[in-house]
Protein backbone atom coordinates (compact mmCIF):
# COMPACT_ATOMS: atom_id res chain seq x y z
CA MET A 1 -107.04 107.65 93.32
CA LYS A 2 -103.95 109.86 91.94
CA GLN A 3 -100.64 109.30 93.61
CA PRO A 4 -99.30 112.45 95.27
CA LYS A 5 -96.87 114.28 93.05
CA LYS A 6 -94.46 114.14 96.11
CA ASN A 7 -94.35 110.59 96.11
CA LYS A 8 -93.80 110.11 92.40
CA ILE A 9 -90.93 112.49 92.92
CA TRP A 10 -89.50 110.07 95.53
CA VAL A 11 -90.17 107.20 93.34
CA ILE A 12 -87.95 108.59 90.55
CA VAL A 13 -85.13 109.77 92.84
CA GLY A 14 -85.38 106.04 94.32
CA ILE A 15 -84.92 104.54 90.89
CA VAL A 16 -82.37 107.07 89.90
CA ALA A 17 -80.35 106.24 92.91
CA PHE A 18 -81.02 102.51 92.44
CA VAL A 19 -79.77 102.72 88.97
CA ALA A 20 -76.55 104.58 90.13
CA ALA A 21 -75.85 102.12 92.49
CA LEU A 22 -76.01 99.34 90.05
CA ALA A 23 -73.92 101.43 87.95
CA SER A 24 -71.52 101.89 90.71
CA LEU A 25 -71.20 98.27 91.56
CA PHE A 26 -70.72 97.42 87.76
CA VAL A 27 -67.76 99.83 87.43
CA TYR A 28 -66.38 98.70 90.84
CA GLY A 29 -66.71 94.95 89.68
CA ALA A 30 -65.10 95.58 86.50
CA LEU A 31 -62.16 97.43 88.11
CA SER A 32 -61.91 94.61 90.49
CA ARG A 33 -61.56 91.99 88.08
CA GLU A 34 -58.64 93.85 86.43
CA SER A 35 -55.42 92.13 86.58
CA GLU A 36 -52.33 94.06 88.01
CA LEU A 37 -51.01 94.61 84.47
CA GLU A 38 -54.48 95.87 83.02
CA GLN A 39 -54.51 98.41 86.24
CA GLN A 40 -50.82 99.46 85.46
CA VAL A 41 -51.46 100.02 81.62
CA ARG A 42 -55.03 102.06 82.52
CA GLN A 43 -53.07 104.03 85.09
CA ALA A 44 -50.45 105.07 82.95
CA LYS A 45 -52.84 106.29 80.04
CA GLU A 46 -55.00 108.21 82.76
CA GLU A 47 -51.69 109.98 83.73
CA GLY A 48 -50.88 110.97 80.00
CA CYS A 49 -48.19 108.22 79.36
CA LEU A 50 -47.95 105.93 76.64
CA PRO A 51 -47.64 102.47 78.06
CA LEU A 52 -44.94 100.15 76.77
CA VAL A 53 -45.40 96.47 77.98
CA LEU A 54 -42.61 94.29 78.21
CA LEU A 55 -43.36 90.58 78.44
CA SER A 56 -40.01 89.28 80.01
CA SER A 57 -39.11 85.93 81.77
CA MET A 58 -37.94 87.65 85.16
CA THR A 59 -38.19 84.12 86.76
CA GLY A 60 -37.74 80.87 85.54
CA SER A 61 -35.61 79.00 83.07
CA TYR A 62 -35.06 82.04 80.97
CA GLN A 63 -34.36 84.69 83.75
CA TYR A 64 -30.98 85.20 82.47
CA VAL A 65 -32.29 86.84 79.48
CA GLY A 66 -35.26 88.50 81.15
CA THR A 67 -33.42 90.32 83.59
CA ASP A 68 -31.23 91.97 80.90
CA ALA A 69 -34.18 92.78 78.83
CA ALA A 70 -36.10 94.78 81.44
CA TRP A 71 -32.64 96.63 82.41
CA THR A 72 -32.03 97.49 78.72
CA ALA A 73 -35.72 98.49 78.03
CA GLN A 74 -35.86 100.81 81.11
CA TYR A 75 -32.60 102.23 80.00
CA ALA A 76 -33.83 103.09 76.55
CA VAL A 77 -37.25 104.41 78.15
CA ASP A 78 -35.18 106.72 80.33
CA GLN A 79 -32.98 107.92 77.30
CA ILE A 80 -36.45 108.78 75.33
CA ASN A 81 -38.13 110.53 78.51
CA GLN A 82 -34.82 112.61 79.04
CA THR A 83 -35.19 114.18 75.43
CA GLY A 84 -39.24 114.78 75.73
CA GLY A 85 -40.83 111.37 75.22
CA ILE A 86 -42.34 110.44 72.04
CA ASN A 87 -43.97 113.63 70.36
CA GLY A 88 -44.09 115.12 73.65
CA THR A 89 -45.72 112.13 75.40
CA PRO A 90 -43.47 110.45 78.26
CA VAL A 91 -43.28 106.60 78.10
CA ARG A 92 -43.79 104.38 80.79
CA LEU A 93 -42.42 101.00 80.80
CA ILE A 94 -44.49 98.14 82.41
CA VAL A 95 -42.51 94.82 82.78
CA ALA A 96 -44.69 91.90 83.16
CA ASP A 97 -42.96 88.68 84.35
CA THR A 98 -43.97 85.52 82.11
CA GLY A 99 -42.28 83.25 84.59
CA SER A 100 -40.53 81.53 81.10
CA SER A 101 -43.93 80.11 80.97
CA PRO A 102 -45.67 80.22 77.17
CA ASP A 103 -49.09 79.78 78.79
CA SER A 104 -48.36 82.62 80.88
CA ALA A 105 -47.16 85.02 78.03
CA GLN A 106 -50.43 84.36 76.31
CA ARG A 107 -52.73 85.35 79.45
CA LEU A 108 -50.58 88.39 79.91
CA LEU A 109 -50.93 89.51 76.52
CA GLU A 110 -54.81 88.68 76.29
CA ASP A 111 -55.21 90.79 79.33
CA VAL A 112 -54.01 93.90 77.87
CA GLN A 113 -53.63 93.77 74.15
CA SER A 114 -56.60 96.02 73.19
CA GLN A 115 -55.09 98.77 75.26
CA LEU A 116 -51.75 98.80 73.65
CA LEU A 117 -50.16 100.53 70.52
CA CYS A 118 -47.51 97.57 70.40
CA VAL A 119 -45.91 95.07 72.70
CA LEU A 120 -42.21 94.14 73.46
CA GLY A 121 -41.39 90.47 73.81
CA PRO A 122 -41.68 87.64 74.83
CA VAL A 123 -37.90 87.65 74.80
CA ASN A 124 -37.37 83.82 74.36
CA ALA A 125 -38.31 81.57 71.48
CA PRO A 126 -40.81 79.45 72.85
CA GLU A 127 -43.02 82.04 74.49
CA THR A 128 -42.68 83.81 71.23
CA ALA A 129 -43.93 80.93 69.32
CA ALA A 130 -46.81 80.66 71.79
CA VAL A 131 -48.07 84.19 70.99
CA ALA A 132 -47.27 84.29 67.40
CA GLU A 133 -50.71 83.36 66.10
CA ASP A 134 -52.49 85.49 68.85
CA VAL A 135 -50.81 88.89 67.75
CA ALA A 136 -51.96 88.07 64.04
CA GLN A 137 -55.47 87.68 65.28
CA TYR A 138 -55.27 90.96 67.67
CA GLY A 139 -53.76 92.89 64.76
CA LEU A 140 -50.83 94.05 67.16
CA LEU A 141 -47.51 94.62 66.41
CA ASP A 142 -45.10 92.43 68.59
CA ILE A 143 -41.46 93.21 68.69
CA GLY A 144 -40.36 89.83 69.95
CA THR A 145 -38.09 86.99 69.75
CA TYR A 146 -38.73 86.03 65.95
CA SER A 147 -35.54 84.92 65.37
CA PHE A 148 -36.67 81.71 63.30
CA GLN A 149 -38.98 81.37 60.37
CA GLY A 150 -41.91 79.45 61.64
CA ALA A 151 -43.11 81.93 64.29
CA LEU A 152 -42.44 84.95 62.37
CA GLU A 153 -44.68 83.41 59.34
CA GLN A 154 -47.51 82.68 61.93
CA ALA A 155 -47.47 86.21 63.43
CA ALA A 156 -47.21 87.86 59.95
CA PRO A 157 -47.58 90.85 59.19
CA TYR A 158 -47.77 91.78 63.08
CA GLY A 159 -44.19 90.07 64.10
CA ALA A 160 -41.08 92.14 63.99
CA ALA A 161 -37.97 90.45 65.18
CA TYR A 162 -36.00 92.73 67.44
CA MET A 163 -32.82 90.28 66.78
CA SER A 164 -31.77 89.04 63.51
CA GLN A 165 -32.47 85.48 62.41
CA SER A 166 -30.72 83.12 64.35
CA VAL A 167 -30.40 80.46 61.60
CA LYS A 168 -28.71 82.61 59.30
CA GLY A 169 -26.59 83.83 62.03
CA GLU A 170 -25.51 80.03 62.79
CA ILE A 171 -24.74 79.60 59.22
CA ALA A 172 -22.70 82.77 58.63
CA GLY A 173 -20.86 81.66 62.06
CA VAL A 174 -20.07 78.15 61.05
CA THR A 175 -19.09 79.24 57.68
CA ALA A 176 -16.35 81.57 58.93
CA TRP A 177 -15.31 79.17 61.43
CA ALA A 178 -14.97 76.32 58.65
CA ALA A 179 -12.98 78.81 56.60
CA CYS A 180 -10.44 79.29 59.55
CA ASN A 181 -10.44 75.20 60.10
CA PRO A 182 -10.56 73.66 56.62
CA ASP A 183 -9.24 70.51 58.42
CA ILE A 184 -12.30 69.95 60.06
CA HIS A 185 -14.71 67.62 57.99
CA SER A 186 -17.17 66.02 60.95
CA ILE A 187 -18.89 67.40 63.96
CA VAL A 188 -21.28 66.92 66.54
CA ILE A 189 -23.77 69.31 67.36
CA PHE A 190 -25.26 69.74 71.04
CA SER A 191 -28.89 71.16 70.92
CA ASP A 192 -31.89 71.67 73.39
CA GLN A 193 -34.38 69.81 70.99
CA ALA A 194 -37.14 70.81 73.49
CA ASP A 195 -36.70 74.47 72.15
CA SER A 196 -38.16 74.85 68.86
CA SER A 197 -35.78 77.60 67.79
CA LYS A 198 -32.83 75.24 68.56
CA GLN A 199 -34.24 72.35 66.47
CA GLU A 200 -34.77 74.47 63.43
CA SER A 201 -31.29 75.63 63.89
CA ALA A 202 -30.05 72.36 63.86
CA ALA A 203 -31.93 70.88 61.06
CA ALA A 204 -30.80 73.74 58.98
CA LEU A 205 -27.31 73.02 59.72
CA GLN A 206 -27.65 69.67 59.05
CA GLU A 207 -28.92 70.54 55.47
CA TYR A 208 -26.29 73.12 55.03
CA LEU A 209 -23.02 71.92 56.52
CA PRO A 210 -22.49 69.33 53.73
CA GLN A 211 -21.86 71.96 51.14
CA LEU A 212 -19.11 72.92 53.22
CA GLY A 213 -17.68 69.38 53.20
CA ILE A 214 -18.62 68.59 56.72
CA GLU A 215 -20.77 65.82 58.01
CA VAL A 216 -22.90 66.02 60.93
CA LEU A 217 -22.51 62.90 62.65
CA GLU A 218 -25.30 63.32 65.54
CA VAL A 219 -27.37 65.71 66.99
CA VAL A 220 -26.85 65.35 70.83
CA ASP A 221 -29.88 66.55 72.92
CA VAL A 222 -28.83 68.43 76.15
CA PRO A 223 -31.96 69.58 77.93
CA MET A 224 -31.72 73.27 79.66
CA ASP A 225 -31.91 71.91 83.08
CA SER A 226 -29.48 69.20 82.54
CA ASN A 227 -27.11 68.08 85.68
CA GLN A 228 -23.66 67.19 86.04
CA ARG A 229 -24.23 63.67 85.05
CA GLN A 230 -26.23 64.56 82.13
CA TYR A 231 -23.68 66.76 80.77
CA MET A 232 -21.14 64.14 81.22
CA GLN A 233 -23.17 61.51 79.25
CA ALA A 234 -23.85 64.07 76.74
CA ALA A 235 -20.17 64.73 76.26
CA ILE A 236 -19.32 60.85 76.10
CA GLN A 237 -21.90 60.24 73.57
CA ALA A 238 -20.35 63.11 71.42
CA LEU A 239 -16.80 61.93 71.94
CA ASN A 240 -17.90 58.61 71.05
CA ARG A 241 -18.73 59.66 67.16
CA LYS A 242 -15.25 60.42 67.07
CA PRO A 243 -15.83 64.06 65.39
CA GLU A 244 -13.15 66.39 64.38
CA GLY A 245 -15.25 69.23 65.71
CA TYR A 246 -18.19 70.29 68.10
CA LEU A 247 -20.92 73.00 67.52
CA SER A 248 -22.96 74.11 70.66
CA LEU A 249 -26.34 75.65 70.18
CA LEU A 250 -26.81 75.44 73.90
CA ASP A 251 -27.69 78.39 76.63
CA ASP A 252 -24.66 79.99 78.62
CA ASN A 253 -24.65 77.30 81.27
CA GLY A 254 -25.11 74.27 79.11
CA TYR A 255 -22.28 75.36 76.83
CA ALA A 256 -19.82 76.15 79.81
CA ASN A 257 -20.55 72.56 81.43
CA ILE A 258 -20.45 70.67 78.12
CA LEU A 259 -16.79 72.45 76.92
CA LEU A 260 -15.63 71.46 80.68
CA GLN A 261 -16.63 68.08 80.01
CA LEU A 262 -15.02 68.04 76.71
CA ARG A 263 -11.77 69.45 77.67
CA GLN A 264 -11.48 67.13 81.02
CA ARG A 265 -11.84 63.93 78.46
CA GLY A 266 -8.90 65.11 76.10
CA VAL A 267 -10.32 67.87 73.45
CA GLU A 268 -7.28 69.92 73.61
CA GLU A 269 -7.49 72.12 70.67
CA GLY A 270 -10.02 75.06 71.14
CA ARG A 271 -10.36 75.47 67.62
CA ARG A 272 -12.22 72.62 67.14
CA ILE A 273 -15.33 74.26 69.12
CA ILE A 274 -17.67 76.86 68.39
CA SER A 275 -20.59 77.95 70.30
CA SER A 276 -23.72 79.94 69.20
CA PHE A 277 -24.56 83.54 70.63
CA THR A 278 -26.80 81.94 73.07
CA GLY A 279 -23.89 80.86 75.01
CA PHE A 280 -22.07 84.35 74.85
CA THR A 281 -22.75 85.78 78.64
CA GLN A 282 -20.36 86.70 81.52
CA ASP A 283 -21.56 83.75 83.39
CA MET A 284 -20.64 81.27 80.64
CA ILE A 285 -17.21 83.11 80.87
CA ASP A 286 -16.88 82.92 84.61
CA LEU A 287 -17.80 79.26 84.82
CA ALA A 288 -15.49 77.95 81.79
CA GLY A 289 -12.56 80.32 82.42
CA ASP A 290 -9.44 79.42 80.53
CA ASN A 291 -10.99 76.37 78.96
CA LEU A 292 -12.18 78.95 76.57
CA ASP A 293 -8.92 79.40 74.98
CA GLY A 294 -8.85 79.00 71.38
CA THR A 295 -12.57 78.33 70.99
CA TYR A 296 -14.94 80.29 68.77
CA ILE A 297 -18.01 81.96 69.44
CA TRP A 298 -20.39 84.06 67.12
CA SER A 299 -22.87 87.01 68.21
CA LYS A 300 -25.23 89.43 66.86
CA PHE A 301 -23.17 92.38 68.14
CA ASN A 302 -19.90 93.43 69.35
CA PRO A 303 -19.81 94.01 73.24
CA TYR A 304 -16.27 95.88 72.65
CA GLU A 305 -17.47 98.46 70.20
CA GLU A 306 -16.10 101.73 71.02
CA SER A 307 -18.70 104.11 69.78
CA SER A 308 -19.98 106.82 72.31
CA GLN A 309 -23.44 105.55 72.71
CA TRP A 310 -22.53 102.13 73.38
CA ALA A 311 -19.68 103.10 75.64
CA GLU A 312 -22.15 105.04 77.65
CA LEU A 313 -24.78 102.17 77.88
CA SER A 314 -21.87 99.73 78.57
CA LEU A 315 -20.44 101.86 81.46
CA VAL A 316 -23.85 102.29 83.08
CA TYR A 317 -24.38 98.61 82.68
CA GLN A 318 -21.40 97.49 84.42
CA GLU A 319 -22.01 100.18 87.28
CA GLU A 320 -25.17 98.08 87.84
CA HIS A 321 -24.01 94.80 87.15
CA GLY A 322 -20.76 94.45 89.50
CA GLY A 323 -18.32 95.40 86.40
CA ALA A 324 -19.76 92.67 84.16
CA ILE A 325 -19.68 93.63 80.30
CA PRO A 326 -23.36 93.43 78.64
CA LEU A 327 -22.63 90.37 76.45
CA ASN A 328 -26.10 89.29 76.15
CA THR A 329 -27.33 90.45 72.69
CA ILE A 330 -30.81 91.42 73.82
CA VAL A 331 -28.98 94.62 75.44
CA VAL A 332 -28.26 96.15 72.05
CA ASP A 333 -31.28 94.38 69.97
CA LEU A 334 -34.17 95.64 72.53
CA TYR A 335 -32.46 99.14 72.89
CA ASP A 336 -32.23 99.36 69.10
CA ALA A 337 -35.86 98.18 68.78
CA ILE A 338 -37.35 100.92 71.55
CA MET A 339 -35.28 103.60 69.79
CA ALA A 340 -36.68 102.52 66.40
CA LEU A 341 -40.19 102.57 68.09
CA LYS A 342 -39.44 106.23 68.62
CA GLN A 343 -38.48 106.91 65.15
CA CYS A 344 -41.61 105.21 63.82
CA CYS A 345 -43.78 107.25 66.01
CA GLU A 346 -42.20 110.61 65.27
CA GLU A 347 -42.19 110.07 61.54
CA LEU A 348 -45.69 109.11 61.38
CA ASN A 349 -46.68 111.60 64.33
CA ILE A 350 -48.36 108.81 66.63
CA THR A 351 -48.57 109.29 70.20
CA GLY A 352 -50.54 106.03 70.98
CA ASN A 353 -53.34 107.77 72.77
CA GLY A 354 -56.50 109.33 71.49
CA ASN A 355 -59.46 107.89 69.71
CA ASN A 356 -57.78 106.54 66.52
CA GLN A 357 -55.55 103.95 68.38
CA THR A 358 -56.76 101.25 65.63
CA VAL A 359 -55.52 103.27 62.86
CA GLN A 360 -52.14 103.85 64.88
CA ARG A 361 -51.74 100.31 65.51
CA GLU A 362 -51.98 99.39 61.91
CA GLN A 363 -49.68 102.05 60.69
CA VAL A 364 -47.01 101.12 63.23
CA ALA A 365 -47.15 97.41 62.50
CA GLN A 366 -46.73 98.31 58.76
CA TRP A 367 -43.70 100.34 59.37
CA PHE A 368 -42.14 97.75 61.59
CA TYR A 369 -42.84 95.03 58.83
CA ASN A 370 -40.81 96.64 56.07
CA SER A 371 -38.94 99.61 57.77
CA PRO A 372 -36.42 102.21 56.42
CA GLU A 373 -33.10 101.76 57.22
CA VAL A 374 -32.30 102.51 61.08
CA GLN A 375 -29.23 103.63 62.64
CA GLY A 376 -28.71 101.49 65.62
CA ILE A 377 -26.54 101.88 68.52
CA GLN A 378 -23.76 99.98 66.82
CA SER A 379 -24.85 99.71 63.16
CA THR A 380 -27.51 100.13 60.52
CA PHE A 381 -30.33 97.54 59.96
CA TYR A 382 -33.70 97.40 58.87
CA TRP A 383 -36.65 95.03 58.80
CA LYS A 384 -37.95 92.93 55.60
CA ASP A 385 -41.10 91.20 55.89
CA GLY A 386 -40.58 91.15 59.77
CA GLU A 387 -37.28 89.81 59.76
CA LYS A 388 -34.48 92.07 61.11
CA ILE A 389 -31.37 92.28 58.60
CA LYS A 390 -27.90 93.03 60.08
CA ASP A 391 -24.38 91.87 60.23
CA TYR A 392 -23.00 89.04 62.55
CA VAL A 393 -19.78 88.86 64.52
CA LEU A 394 -17.13 86.12 64.79
CA PHE A 395 -14.62 85.80 68.03
CA VAL A 396 -12.08 83.54 69.20
CA PHE A 397 -11.02 83.23 72.78
CA GLU A 398 -7.44 84.12 73.82
CA GLU A 399 -7.58 82.52 77.44
CA ASP A 400 -10.74 83.98 78.50
CA THR A 401 -10.99 87.10 76.33
CA PRO A 402 -13.12 86.98 73.05
CA VAL A 403 -11.33 88.68 70.28
CA LYS A 404 -13.12 90.00 67.14
CA GLN A 405 -12.16 88.24 63.88
CA GLU A 406 -12.02 90.59 60.95
CA LYS A 407 -14.08 89.42 57.82
């Protein structure tokens, strides 16, 4: 017996409705499984923007870097959008908090890597080391903290350091300091040996300093989250070696506390102490105060530069940070990196959207890996095999004011 035609139609309609319902459930399920970061990236693209994701430690041990990174990135993006975006496409900054956790940085990157033209960050060495092999596998340019050689090699050719190499800076800084203090022939190094970049710097200095006639008597380990008792013990451990000088690779809080301990225990001549750029923040200066008098510190930029662009950025920063001057190197370095991304995309006529994203990703990665010379907010620089090449700056403190030393 033939089935009535009308019934057949209803069967077909039912099947179509069922399939549509399943499809809707699939789409809904896929969207509901999206992370917050994935949703933000998708929405930016749907609204015609170029999503620029910054993996930043907004909380946790590296918050002091992450908050400045986020501020700088937003400032740079605002500047770009005020002048028409990148090739007419507005840029939308999306800050993803890593919580100062390497595992979190990896998870966040994995969530969105397929949707991005490139990624900014992580903004600290341990997290960057954690994602280095991942970005090489994804074929995604990562403009991160590749300031030491190990991670840069793992990420090649998709890692580009937004800052210049820390090891080379440590060597340049201590070389200039030694030239100013030729009577110093032995030192102790303070380092956080849980930080791979500081490990690499300490090892390089131990190998290099004998060429200057300086013996490294000991590397004293000072963990990032040390308490006052640990700072005291570290200072006494160093003093017991009777060095003629002291070199700190610590962050701002660690360096300030070690400096205070050394001063309290009789180190009167500030010239015998030098700090890495990692200690150069307003919080360090506020904590150490006049104990800084005569001490040295090197940096990857000059926070007191008088050029108009830098003066404008610095003024806005001070207005939004209670009058504090931007001392963290990430301010100038991340700003320059984002402006370099704009230059790259405009030279290659890239928008970051469209069906040829794979090709665009490769073009951008190649440009950054070996770039032309770029005019930064303070000086020119370029990338060679992912390494950022630029000059370093040495300061000596007069009371609590850093004064640039001429070469």
